Amino acid sequence: MHQTHKAIGILGGTFDPIHLGHLRMAIELYESLDLAKVHIMPCFQPVHRKLPTATPQHRLAMVQCAIASEPALYADDREIRRQGPSYMIDTLLQMREEMPTTPLCLLLGIDAFLGFPSWHRWRDILNHAHLIVAHRPQYHLPSTGIIADLLKENLQHEYGFIHENPAGGILLRPITALEISATDIRKQIAMGRNPRYLLPDGVYDYIKQHGIYSISRI
């Protein structure tokens, strides 16, 4: 059954803190795929990495600061409100109840996609969303194994597919590679160095104001 609603993007993560690499990925995919909006979704409790340094409330506030002037992006707090381990399948099921006919697109970096088979109920995720895999133009994906089989079964080459179907496709999209690390940003701040131009000014101002990452309060 063909859908009539534009697809919505979902970019999840710890965002500890959100930086220009996250935001550039979101806006490039929003434009190149003609998405209705991209939901930037900080998790409450990650299940594939250690607990974030900043609290969920601070991480959400930093996302809100980062995208305050960009209408294409939306700060979605549903995983923080839900609390507990942040499983993407639970989020997609909730969104599916709210938007039963709207195509949903889960935006992933290439490293996250390569680890996709370790996700909770990962096979069910494609029943409720498309996967949009952002990668560097020269990146080579595996030719054998689970990921290769997944691509063979679900890879699409026309972005119109994601607007006409609610879920089930995988698209590979090259994006601008910004080598920015949230870990490095936290280390720079803790050492008293200036991380400006790696993250939005509003986010850096919020970090300074609230003394996050051991920076001195001003």
Protein backbone atom coordinates (compact mmCIF):
# COMPACT_ATOMS: atom_id res chain seq x y z
CA MET A 1 0.00 0.00 0.00
CA HIS A 2 1.44 3.35 -1.00
CA GLN A 3 1.61 6.10 1.58
CA THR A 4 0.82 9.78 1.19
CA HIS A 5 2.82 11.22 4.10
CA LYS A 6 6.37 12.45 3.76
CA ALA A 7 8.89 10.37 5.66
CA ILE A 8 10.17 11.47 9.06
CA GLY A 9 13.81 11.01 10.06
CA ILE A 10 14.90 9.79 13.50
CA LEU A 11 18.42 10.48 14.74
CA GLY A 12 19.02 8.92 18.13
CA GLY A 13 22.06 9.02 20.37
CA THR A 14 23.44 10.10 23.70
CA PHE A 15 24.34 13.59 22.40
CA ASP A 16 26.84 14.05 25.21
CA PRO A 17 27.13 16.76 23.88
CA ILE A 18 25.45 17.21 20.52
CA HIS A 19 27.95 18.61 17.99
CA LEU A 20 28.21 19.81 14.41
CA GLY A 21 28.83 16.30 13.07
CA HIS A 22 25.41 15.18 14.34
CA LEU A 23 23.70 18.30 13.05
CA ARG A 24 25.34 18.26 9.62
CA MET A 25 24.32 14.62 9.14
CA ALA A 26 20.72 15.45 10.11
CA ILE A 27 20.38 18.46 7.81
CA GLU A 28 22.08 16.82 4.81
CA LEU A 29 19.80 13.78 5.01
CA TYR A 30 16.77 16.00 5.58
CA GLU A 31 17.51 17.85 2.34
CA SER A 32 18.75 15.00 0.15
CA LEU A 33 15.85 12.70 1.08
CA ASP A 34 13.16 15.41 1.17
CA LEU A 35 12.15 14.44 4.70
CA ALA A 36 9.28 16.18 6.47
CA LYS A 37 11.40 16.67 9.60
CA VAL A 38 14.20 15.00 11.53
CA HIS A 39 13.55 14.10 15.17
CA ILE A 40 16.75 14.48 17.21
CA MET A 41 16.19 11.98 20.01
CA PRO A 42 18.52 11.83 23.04
CA CYS A 43 18.28 8.49 24.80
CA PHE A 44 17.64 8.15 28.52
CA GLN A 45 19.90 5.14 29.10
CA PRO A 46 22.07 3.81 26.27
CA VAL A 47 22.31 0.04 25.90
CA HIS A 48 25.46 -0.20 23.75
CA ARG A 49 27.80 2.14 25.61
CA LYS A 50 28.55 3.43 29.09
CA LEU A 51 26.27 5.94 30.79
CA PRO A 52 26.62 9.52 29.51
CA THR A 53 28.47 12.12 31.56
CA ALA A 54 25.69 14.72 31.38
CA THR A 55 22.22 14.04 32.80
CA PRO A 56 19.34 13.27 30.41
CA GLN A 57 17.84 16.69 31.18
CA HIS A 58 21.08 18.50 30.30
CA ARG A 59 21.54 16.48 27.12
CA LEU A 60 17.98 17.28 26.03
CA ALA A 61 18.49 20.96 26.82
CA MET A 62 21.68 21.01 24.75
CA VAL A 63 19.80 19.51 21.79
CA GLN A 64 17.12 22.18 22.19
CA CYS A 65 19.80 24.88 22.22
CA ALA A 66 21.46 23.41 19.15
CA ILE A 67 18.38 23.35 16.93
CA ALA A 68 16.40 26.32 18.26
CA SER A 69 16.72 28.22 14.96
CA GLU A 70 16.38 25.24 12.58
CA PRO A 71 12.74 24.31 11.82
CA ALA A 72 13.76 21.14 9.96
CA LEU A 73 14.93 19.57 13.22
CA TYR A 74 12.80 18.64 16.24
CA ALA A 75 14.00 17.81 19.76
CA ASP A 76 12.08 14.62 20.66
CA ASP A 77 12.15 13.82 24.37
CA ARG A 78 10.12 10.60 24.29
CA GLU A 79 12.96 8.28 25.34
CA ILE A 80 13.84 10.54 28.26
CA ARG A 81 10.20 10.67 29.35
CA ARG A 82 9.91 6.90 29.06
CA GLN A 83 13.08 6.38 31.13
CA GLY A 84 14.70 2.94 31.46
CA PRO A 85 16.96 1.39 28.80
CA SER A 86 16.39 3.15 25.46
CA TYR A 87 15.54 0.41 22.97
CA MET A 88 14.83 1.78 19.50
CA ILE A 89 12.18 -0.87 18.82
CA ASP A 90 10.12 0.50 21.73
CA THR A 91 10.44 4.01 20.35
CA LEU A 92 9.39 2.94 16.87
CA LEU A 93 6.36 1.04 18.19
CA GLN A 94 5.26 4.14 20.09
CA MET A 95 5.72 6.36 17.03
CA ARG A 96 3.90 3.82 14.88
CA GLU A 97 0.88 4.06 17.17
CA GLU A 98 0.91 7.86 16.81
CA MET A 99 1.64 7.87 13.05
CA PRO A 100 0.41 4.57 11.60
CA THR A 101 0.81 5.55 7.93
CA THR A 102 3.84 7.84 8.11
CA PRO A 103 7.12 6.36 6.82
CA LEU A 104 9.80 6.43 9.52
CA CYS A 105 13.50 6.58 8.68
CA LEU A 106 16.13 5.64 11.24
CA LEU A 107 19.29 7.62 10.46
CA LEU A 108 22.50 5.70 11.23
CA GLY A 109 26.18 6.26 10.84
CA ILE A 110 28.09 3.46 9.17
CA ASP A 111 29.60 2.18 12.44
CA ALA A 112 26.17 1.91 14.05
CA PHE A 113 24.87 0.06 11.00
CA LEU A 114 27.70 -2.47 11.15
CA GLY A 115 26.68 -3.18 14.74
CA PHE A 116 22.97 -3.29 13.93
CA PRO A 117 22.60 -7.08 14.43
CA SER A 118 23.48 -6.59 18.12
CA TRP A 119 20.46 -4.31 18.67
CA HIS A 120 17.47 -5.50 20.68
CA ARG A 121 14.89 -7.08 18.31
CA TRP A 122 16.83 -5.75 15.36
CA ARG A 123 14.92 -7.78 12.80
CA ASP A 124 11.67 -6.19 13.96
CA ILE A 125 13.02 -2.68 13.44
CA LEU A 126 12.79 -2.99 9.65
CA ASN A 127 9.11 -3.84 10.02
CA HIS A 128 8.55 -0.35 11.41
CA ALA A 129 11.22 1.86 9.81
CA HIS A 130 13.62 2.28 6.94
CA LEU A 131 17.35 2.45 7.64
CA ILE A 132 19.26 5.38 6.16
CA VAL A 133 22.97 4.66 6.41
CA ALA A 134 25.22 7.72 6.20
CA HIS A 135 28.76 6.95 5.08
CA ARG A 136 31.87 8.45 3.60
CA PRO A 137 31.90 8.17 -0.20
CA GLN A 138 34.84 5.75 -0.22
CA TYR A 139 33.52 3.45 2.49
CA HIS A 140 33.33 -0.28 1.65
CA LEU A 141 30.66 -2.46 3.24
CA PRO A 142 31.20 -6.16 3.96
CA SER A 143 30.49 -8.54 1.08
CA THR A 144 29.56 -11.50 3.29
CA GLY A 145 27.79 -12.01 6.60
CA ILE A 146 24.60 -10.68 8.19
CA ILE A 147 25.03 -7.10 7.01
CA ALA A 148 25.69 -8.22 3.43
CA ASP A 149 22.57 -10.41 3.51
CA LEU A 150 20.53 -7.56 4.96
CA LEU A 151 21.61 -5.27 2.15
CA LYS A 152 20.90 -7.89 -0.48
CA GLU A 153 17.34 -8.27 0.81
CA ASN A 154 16.47 -4.66 1.58
CA LEU A 155 18.75 -2.23 -0.30
CA GLN A 156 16.93 0.47 -2.28
CA HIS A 157 18.44 2.88 -4.78
CA GLU A 158 15.66 5.47 -5.18
CA TYR A 159 14.76 7.67 -2.25
CA GLY A 160 11.12 7.75 -3.41
CA PHE A 161 10.76 4.27 -1.92
CA ILE A 162 10.97 5.63 1.62
CA HIS A 163 8.06 8.02 1.03
CA GLU A 164 5.87 5.42 -0.68
CA ASN A 165 6.36 2.65 1.89
CA PRO A 166 6.15 2.87 5.69
CA ALA A 167 9.21 0.70 6.40
CA GLY A 168 11.54 -2.02 5.17
CA GLY A 169 14.10 -0.31 2.96
CA ILE A 170 17.79 0.43 3.41
CA LEU A 171 19.38 3.41 1.66
CA LEU A 172 23.07 4.28 1.60
CA ARG A 173 23.78 8.00 1.50
CA PRO A 174 27.22 9.65 1.33
CA ILE A 175 27.51 12.71 3.56
CA THR A 176 30.13 15.28 4.44
CA ALA A 177 32.62 13.65 6.81
CA LEU A 178 33.17 15.82 9.89
CA GLU A 179 35.62 14.08 12.18
CA ILE A 180 34.19 15.40 15.44
CA SER A 181 34.03 13.34 18.61
CA ALA A 182 31.85 14.05 21.65
CA THR A 183 34.47 12.25 23.75
CA ASP A 184 37.17 14.63 22.53
CA ILE A 185 34.93 17.63 23.17
CA ARG A 186 34.38 16.51 26.77
CA LYS A 187 38.12 16.04 27.24
CA GLN A 188 38.90 19.47 25.80
CA ILE A 189 36.39 21.12 28.10
CA ALA A 190 37.69 19.23 31.15
CA MET A 191 41.21 20.43 30.28
CA GLY A 192 40.06 24.03 29.99
CA ARG A 193 40.47 24.19 26.22
CA ASN A 194 38.08 25.94 23.85
CA PRO A 195 35.85 23.58 21.81
CA ARG A 196 34.19 26.36 19.84
CA TYR A 197 33.46 25.55 16.16
CA LEU A 198 33.03 21.86 17.04
CA LEU A 199 29.56 22.44 18.48
CA PRO A 200 26.98 25.23 18.28
CA ASP A 201 27.72 28.36 20.28
CA GLY A 202 24.46 27.96 22.18
CA VAL A 203 25.47 24.50 23.33
CA TYR A 204 28.89 25.68 24.49
CA ASP A 205 27.28 28.57 26.34
CA TYR A 206 24.90 26.13 28.05
CA ILE A 207 27.81 23.89 29.06
CA LYS A 208 29.64 26.84 30.60
CA GLN A 209 26.53 28.13 32.34
CA HIS A 210 25.78 24.79 34.00
CA GLY A 211 29.34 23.64 34.65
CA ILE A 212 28.97 20.43 32.63
CA TYR A 213 32.06 18.31 31.88
CA SER A 214 34.00 19.90 34.77
CA ILE A 215 34.29 23.31 33.17
CA SER A 216 34.42 26.18 35.65
CA ARG A 217 31.16 28.00 36.14
CA ILE A 218 31.06 31.57 34.86
